[in-house]
Amino acid sequence: MSSILAPVPLAKAYRLLNHGPTVLVSAAHGGRRNVMAAAWAMAVDFEPCKVAVVLDKQTWTRELLEAEGSFVLNVPCAAQVDLVQTVGNTTGRELDKFTAYGIETLEGEKVSAPLIASCVAWLECRLLPEAHNQQGYDLFLGEVVAAQADTRVFRDGHWDFAGQDGLRTLHHVAGGHFLVIGDGIQGRMLPPLD
């Protein structure tokens, strides 16, 4: 597995989320860990790279994240759609999702939260505490302190899913329905109108 991981420069880490994928948020604290699905995540700054994710007050992952001060945004792929649906609709308070569903993990470089194996990108984040945003909007900001990506689909700072249908990222629509990212196209500058 580690042979497909390559470091991503932190100045370019925002590109790992730039296309708006569903993410798996993992957190760990005091020997406990959890993972949940989140559809509302995005990059918010370039350097240092910062991200935002919305986490409901009732989630176990949120409690672990707040207690530890760090988390991971894992970017899952089409081959993981059932896992995403499952961890997004079960609670880690009563069961260890990793054991119950055989979730394989990788060790991160900078944070204690587990990286979910077989994803296509991982952003390790240090929580930027902002009580107003967290309590008022369930909005969590993190500074990306390490980022990795699967070189089969992320090379030279760009996503390229050609020939890798199972590795295309997931985009949650509603009710367990997802779309996968499509083929890439190159835009061109329009000439100004006279």
C-alpha atoms as a PDB file:
ATOM      1  CA  MET A   1       0.000   0.000   0.000  1.00  0.00           C
ATOM      2  CA  SER A   2       2.707   2.510   0.924  1.00  0.00           C
ATOM      3  CA  SER A   3       4.277   2.268  -2.570  1.00  0.00           C
ATOM      4  CA  ILE A   4       1.342   4.245  -4.018  1.00  0.00           C
ATOM      5  CA  LEU A   5       1.569   7.046  -1.453  1.00  0.00           C
ATOM      6  CA  ALA A   6       3.564  10.130  -2.268  1.00  0.00           C
ATOM      7  CA  PRO A   7       3.937  13.312  -0.255  1.00  0.00           C
ATOM      8  CA  VAL A   8       1.972  16.301  -1.486  1.00  0.00           C
ATOM      9  CA  PRO A   9       3.527  19.722  -0.929  1.00  0.00           C
ATOM     10  CA  LEU A  10       1.485  21.481   1.721  1.00  0.00           C
ATOM     11  CA  ALA A  11       1.158  24.522  -0.539  1.00  0.00           C
ATOM     12  CA  LYS A  12      -0.735  22.291  -3.003  1.00  0.00           C
ATOM     13  CA  ALA A  13      -2.655  20.182  -0.454  1.00  0.00           C
ATOM     14  CA  TYR A  14      -5.834  22.229  -1.049  1.00  0.00           C
ATOM     15  CA  ARG A  15      -6.013  20.603  -4.487  1.00  0.00           C
ATOM     16  CA  LEU A  16      -6.777  17.257  -2.840  1.00  0.00           C
ATOM     17  CA  LEU A  17     -10.212  18.640  -1.851  1.00  0.00           C
ATOM     18  CA  ASN A  18     -10.711  21.196  -4.563  1.00  0.00           C
ATOM     19  CA  HIS A  19     -13.195  19.030  -6.479  1.00  0.00           C
ATOM     20  CA  GLY A  20     -15.581  18.698  -3.529  1.00  0.00           C
ATOM     21  CA  PRO A  21     -15.486  15.018  -2.598  1.00  0.00           C
ATOM     22  CA  THR A  22     -17.257  13.290   0.255  1.00  0.00           C
ATOM     23  CA  VAL A  23     -14.674  12.672   2.984  1.00  0.00           C
ATOM     24  CA  LEU A  24     -14.205  10.276   5.854  1.00  0.00           C
ATOM     25  CA  VAL A  25     -13.271  12.185   9.015  1.00  0.00           C
ATOM     26  CA  SER A  26     -11.195  10.169  11.461  1.00  0.00           C
ATOM     27  CA  ALA A  27     -10.198  11.164  14.968  1.00  0.00           C
ATOM     28  CA  ALA A  28      -8.628   9.496  17.999  1.00  0.00           C
ATOM     29  CA  HIS A  29      -8.210  10.394  21.655  1.00  0.00           C
ATOM     30  CA  GLY A  30      -7.420   8.489  24.840  1.00  0.00           C
ATOM     31  CA  GLY A  31      -7.173   5.106  23.119  1.00  0.00           C
ATOM     32  CA  ARG A  32     -10.529   5.524  21.337  1.00  0.00           C
ATOM     33  CA  ARG A  33     -10.973   6.193  17.635  1.00  0.00           C
ATOM     34  CA  ASN A  34     -13.776   6.763  15.180  1.00  0.00           C
ATOM     35  CA  VAL A  35     -14.515   7.525  11.560  1.00  0.00           C
ATOM     36  CA  MET A  36     -17.561   9.161   9.986  1.00  0.00           C
ATOM     37  CA  ALA A  37     -18.602  10.351   6.541  1.00  0.00           C
ATOM     38  CA  ALA A  38     -18.972  14.069   5.836  1.00  0.00           C
ATOM     39  CA  ALA A  39     -20.207  15.674   2.642  1.00  0.00           C
ATOM     40  CA  TRP A  40     -19.483  19.267   3.679  1.00  0.00           C
ATOM     41  CA  ALA A  41     -15.726  19.734   3.523  1.00  0.00           C
ATOM     42  CA  MET A  42     -13.642  22.210   1.586  1.00  0.00           C
ATOM     43  CA  ALA A  43     -10.336  24.002   1.299  1.00  0.00           C
ATOM     44  CA  VAL A  44     -10.360  27.563   2.672  1.00  0.00           C
ATOM     45  CA  ASP A  45      -6.781  28.819   2.288  1.00  0.00           C
ATOM     46  CA  PHE A  46      -3.592  28.123   0.340  1.00  0.00           C
ATOM     47  CA  GLU A  47      -0.545  28.661   2.541  1.00  0.00           C
ATOM     48  CA  PRO A  48      -0.692  27.399   5.089  1.00  0.00           C
ATOM     49  CA  CYS A  49      -3.353  25.126   3.673  1.00  0.00           C
ATOM     50  CA  LYS A  50      -6.533  25.223   5.754  1.00  0.00           C
ATOM     51  CA  VAL A  51      -9.690  23.156   5.437  1.00  0.00           C
ATOM     52  CA  ALA A  52     -13.212  23.303   6.852  1.00  0.00           C
ATOM     53  CA  VAL A  53     -15.595  20.491   7.683  1.00  0.00           C
ATOM     54  CA  VAL A  54     -19.066  20.477   9.237  1.00  0.00           C
ATOM     55  CA  LEU A  55     -19.570  18.001  12.107  1.00  0.00           C
ATOM     56  CA  ASP A  56     -22.865  17.690  13.957  1.00  0.00           C
ATOM     57  CA  LYS A  57     -22.819  18.195  17.735  1.00  0.00           C
ATOM     58  CA  GLN A  58     -24.036  14.644  18.341  1.00  0.00           C
ATOM     59  CA  THR A  59     -21.167  12.840  16.592  1.00  0.00           C
ATOM     60  CA  TRP A  60     -18.598  10.802  18.464  1.00  0.00           C
ATOM     61  CA  THR A  61     -15.918  11.820  15.948  1.00  0.00           C
ATOM     62  CA  ARG A  62     -16.490  15.467  16.854  1.00  0.00           C
ATOM     63  CA  GLU A  63     -15.973  14.739  20.549  1.00  0.00           C
ATOM     64  CA  LEU A  64     -12.709  12.905  19.851  1.00  0.00           C
ATOM     65  CA  LEU A  65     -11.529  15.644  17.491  1.00  0.00           C
ATOM     66  CA  GLU A  66     -12.224  18.391  20.025  1.00  0.00           C
ATOM     67  CA  ALA A  67     -10.490  16.467  22.816  1.00  0.00           C
ATOM     68  CA  GLU A  68      -7.377  15.628  20.759  1.00  0.00           C
ATOM     69  CA  GLY A  69      -7.100  18.793  18.675  1.00  0.00           C
ATOM     70  CA  SER A  70      -6.409  16.979  15.426  1.00  0.00           C
ATOM     71  CA  PHE A  71      -8.134  14.921  12.735  1.00  0.00           C
ATOM     72  CA  VAL A  72      -7.726  13.433   9.267  1.00  0.00           C
ATOM     73  CA  LEU A  73      -9.783  14.094   6.154  1.00  0.00           C
ATOM     74  CA  ASN A  74      -9.604  10.876   4.153  1.00  0.00           C
ATOM     75  CA  VAL A  75     -10.805  11.083   0.528  1.00  0.00           C
ATOM     76  CA  PRO A  76     -12.538   7.773  -0.310  1.00  0.00           C
ATOM     77  CA  CYS A  77     -13.106   6.356  -3.768  1.00  0.00           C
ATOM     78  CA  ALA A  78     -15.898   4.597  -5.673  1.00  0.00           C
ATOM     79  CA  ALA A  79     -14.646   1.179  -4.561  1.00  0.00           C
ATOM     80  CA  GLN A  80     -15.387   2.269  -0.972  1.00  0.00           C
ATOM     81  CA  VAL A  81     -18.981   3.455  -1.467  1.00  0.00           C
ATOM     82  CA  ASP A  82     -20.440   0.776   0.849  1.00  0.00           C
ATOM     83  CA  LEU A  83     -17.922   1.639   3.567  1.00  0.00           C
ATOM     84  CA  VAL A  84     -18.746   5.350   3.239  1.00  0.00           C
ATOM     85  CA  GLN A  85     -22.477   4.640   3.483  1.00  0.00           C
ATOM     86  CA  THR A  86     -21.975   2.352   6.495  1.00  0.00           C
ATOM     87  CA  VAL A  87     -19.690   4.582   8.595  1.00  0.00           C
ATOM     88  CA  GLY A  88     -21.908   7.542   7.772  1.00  0.00           C
ATOM     89  CA  ASN A  89     -24.954   5.792   9.219  1.00  0.00           C
ATOM     90  CA  THR A  90     -23.575   4.053  12.315  1.00  0.00           C
ATOM     91  CA  THR A  91     -22.275   5.445  15.575  1.00  0.00           C
ATOM     92  CA  GLY A  92     -18.901   4.703  17.071  1.00  0.00           C
ATOM     93  CA  ARG A  93     -20.196   5.223  20.583  1.00  0.00           C
ATOM     94  CA  GLU A  94     -21.531   1.678  20.799  1.00  0.00           C
ATOM     95  CA  LEU A  95     -19.179  -0.167  18.461  1.00  0.00           C
ATOM     96  CA  ASP A  96     -15.651   0.071  17.143  1.00  0.00           C
ATOM     97  CA  LYS A  97     -16.317   0.605  13.429  1.00  0.00           C
ATOM     98  CA  PHE A  98     -12.753  -0.392  12.545  1.00  0.00           C
ATOM     99  CA  THR A  99     -13.156  -3.840  14.076  1.00  0.00           C
ATOM    100  CA  ALA A 100     -16.812  -4.328  13.152  1.00  0.00           C
ATOM    101  CA  TYR A 101     -16.301  -3.551   9.458  1.00  0.00           C
ATOM    102  CA  GLY A 102     -12.671  -4.617   9.019  1.00  0.00           C
ATOM    103  CA  ILE A 103     -11.463  -1.100   8.241  1.00  0.00           C
ATOM    104  CA  GLU A 104      -7.759  -1.170   7.466  1.00  0.00           C
ATOM    105  CA  THR A 105      -5.750   1.844   8.613  1.00  0.00           C
ATOM    106  CA  LEU A 106      -2.407   3.490   7.973  1.00  0.00           C
ATOM    107  CA  GLU A 107      -0.352   5.518  10.414  1.00  0.00           C
ATOM    108  CA  GLY A 108      -0.175   9.233   9.820  1.00  0.00           C
ATOM    109  CA  GLU A 109       2.931  11.373   9.809  1.00  0.00           C
ATOM    110  CA  LYS A 110       1.813  14.118  12.197  1.00  0.00           C
ATOM    111  CA  VAL A 111      -1.464  13.239  13.980  1.00  0.00           C
ATOM    112  CA  SER A 112      -2.718  10.311  16.044  1.00  0.00           C
ATOM    113  CA  ALA A 113      -5.950   9.829  14.085  1.00  0.00           C
ATOM    114  CA  PRO A 114      -5.830   6.844  11.741  1.00  0.00           C
ATOM    115  CA  LEU A 115      -5.638   7.189   7.972  1.00  0.00           C
ATOM    116  CA  ILE A 116      -8.209   4.987   6.226  1.00  0.00           C
ATOM    117  CA  ALA A 117      -6.448   2.606   3.827  1.00  0.00           C
ATOM    118  CA  SER A 118      -7.498   2.422   0.166  1.00  0.00           C
ATOM    119  CA  CYS A 119      -8.573   6.058   0.061  1.00  0.00           C
ATOM    120  CA  VAL A 120      -7.024   8.244  -2.648  1.00  0.00           C
ATOM    121  CA  ALA A 121      -5.912  11.187  -0.486  1.00  0.00           C
ATOM    122  CA  TRP A 122      -5.277  11.986   3.166  1.00  0.00           C
ATOM    123  CA  LEU A 123      -5.037  15.384   4.843  1.00  0.00           C
ATOM    124  CA  GLU A 124      -3.742  15.351   8.409  1.00  0.00           C
ATOM    125  CA  CYS A 125      -5.024  18.416  10.237  1.00  0.00           C
ATOM    126  CA  ARG A 126      -4.380  20.364  13.412  1.00  0.00           C
ATOM    127  CA  LEU A 127      -7.616  21.826  14.768  1.00  0.00           C
ATOM    128  CA  LEU A 128      -7.808  25.611  14.725  1.00  0.00           C
ATOM    129  CA  PRO A 129     -10.126  26.183  17.690  1.00  0.00           C
ATOM    130  CA  GLU A 130     -12.835  28.717  16.939  1.00  0.00           C
ATOM    131  CA  ALA A 131     -15.558  28.311  19.535  1.00  0.00           C
ATOM    132  CA  HIS A 132     -17.990  30.626  17.745  1.00  0.00           C
ATOM    133  CA  ASN A 133     -17.861  28.648  14.482  1.00  0.00           C
ATOM    134  CA  GLN A 134     -17.824  25.263  16.200  1.00  0.00           C
ATOM    135  CA  GLN A 135     -20.717  25.936  18.558  1.00  0.00           C
ATOM    136  CA  GLY A 136     -22.741  28.195  16.306  1.00  0.00           C
ATOM    137  CA  TYR A 137     -22.290  26.515  12.945  1.00  0.00           C
ATOM    138  CA  ASP A 138     -20.746  23.077  13.635  1.00  0.00           C
ATOM    139  CA  LEU A 139     -17.886  24.322  11.441  1.00  0.00           C
ATOM    140  CA  PHE A 140     -14.379  23.083  12.181  1.00  0.00           C
ATOM    141  CA  LEU A 141     -11.253  24.589  10.695  1.00  0.00           C
ATOM    142  CA  GLY A 142      -7.986  22.741  10.439  1.00  0.00           C
ATOM    143  CA  GLU A 143      -4.500  23.534   9.265  1.00  0.00           C
ATOM    144  CA  VAL A 144      -3.132  20.765   7.053  1.00  0.00           C
ATOM    145  CA  VAL A 145       0.140  19.589   8.597  1.00  0.00           C
ATOM    146  CA  ALA A 146       0.734  16.596   6.278  1.00  0.00           C
ATOM    147  CA  ALA A 147      -0.881  15.416   3.051  1.00  0.00           C
ATOM    148  CA  GLN A 148      -0.517  12.316   0.928  1.00  0.00           C
ATOM    149  CA  ALA A 149      -2.160  11.073  -2.263  1.00  0.00           C
ATOM    150  CA  ASP A 150      -2.407   7.926  -4.363  1.00  0.00           C
ATOM    151  CA  THR A 151      -0.069   8.428  -7.323  1.00  0.00           C
ATOM    152  CA  ARG A 152      -2.306   6.378  -9.597  1.00  0.00           C
ATOM    153  CA  VAL A 153      -4.796   9.272  -9.655  1.00  0.00           C
ATOM    154  CA  PHE A 154      -2.960  12.340  -8.284  1.00  0.00           C
ATOM    155  CA  ARG A 155       0.288  13.306 -10.024  1.00  0.00           C
ATOM    156  CA  ASP A 156       2.153  16.564 -10.582  1.00  0.00           C
ATOM    157  CA  GLY A 157      -0.392  18.445  -8.467  1.00  0.00           C
ATOM    158  CA  HIS A 158      -3.442  17.317 -10.459  1.00  0.00           C
ATOM    159  CA  TRP A 159      -6.147  14.646 -10.372  1.00  0.00           C
ATOM    160  CA  ASP A 160      -6.292  12.264 -13.365  1.00  0.00           C
ATOM    161  CA  PHE A 161      -8.758   9.368 -13.075  1.00  0.00           C
ATOM    162  CA  ALA A 162      -8.405   8.040 -16.641  1.00  0.00           C
ATOM    163  CA  GLY A 163      -8.484   4.234 -16.553  1.00  0.00           C
ATOM    164  CA  GLN A 164      -9.054   4.189 -12.772  1.00  0.00           C
ATOM    165  CA  ASP A 165     -12.847   4.000 -12.415  1.00  0.00           C
ATOM    166  CA  GLY A 166     -12.724   2.315  -8.994  1.00  0.00           C
ATOM    167  CA  LEU A 167     -10.527   5.144  -7.680  1.00  0.00           C
ATOM    168  CA  ARG A 168     -12.794   8.011  -8.758  1.00  0.00           C
ATOM    169  CA  THR A 169     -13.893  10.163  -5.834  1.00  0.00           C
ATOM    170  CA  LEU A 170     -17.415  10.076  -4.410  1.00  0.00           C
ATOM    171  CA  HIS A 171     -19.802  13.027  -4.241  1.00  0.00           C
ATOM    172  CA  HIS A 172     -22.814  12.555  -1.966  1.00  0.00           C
ATOM    173  CA  VAL A 173     -26.146  13.675  -3.363  1.00  0.00           C
ATOM    174  CA  ALA A 174     -28.634  12.468  -0.714  1.00  0.00           C
ATOM    175  CA  GLY A 175     -30.158   9.359   0.803  1.00  0.00           C
ATOM    176  CA  GLY A 176     -27.175   7.102   0.195  1.00  0.00           C
ATOM    177  CA  HIS A 177     -26.866   8.135  -3.460  1.00  0.00           C
ATOM    178  CA  PHE A 178     -23.440   9.179  -4.713  1.00  0.00           C
ATOM    179  CA  LEU A 179     -21.980  10.419  -7.962  1.00  0.00           C
ATOM    180  CA  VAL A 180     -18.412   9.723  -9.029  1.00  0.00           C
ATOM    181  CA  ILE A 181     -16.202  12.348 -10.562  1.00  0.00           C
ATOM    182  CA  GLY A 182     -16.212  12.223 -14.359  1.00  0.00           C
ATOM    183  CA  ASP A 183     -13.615  12.631 -17.056  1.00  0.00           C
ATOM    184  CA  GLY A 184     -11.348  15.636 -17.047  1.00  0.00           C
ATOM    185  CA  ILE A 185     -11.539  18.378 -19.631  1.00  0.00           C
ATOM    186  CA  GLN A 186      -9.248  21.329 -20.235  1.00  0.00           C
ATOM    187  CA  GLY A 187     -10.693  24.835 -20.205  1.00  0.00           C
ATOM    188  CA  ARG A 188      -9.489  27.622 -22.463  1.00  0.00           C
ATOM    189  CA  MET A 189      -9.608  31.385 -22.163  1.00  0.00           C
ATOM    190  CA  LEU A 190     -12.348  33.082 -24.120  1.00  0.00           C
ATOM    191  CA  PRO A 191     -11.368  36.050 -26.248  1.00  0.00           C
ATOM    192  CA  PRO A 192     -12.841  39.340 -25.040  1.00  0.00           C
ATOM    193  CA  LEU A 193     -15.876  40.596 -26.906  1.00  0.00           C
ATOM    194  CA  ASP A 194     -15.277  43.703 -28.982  1.00  0.00           C
END
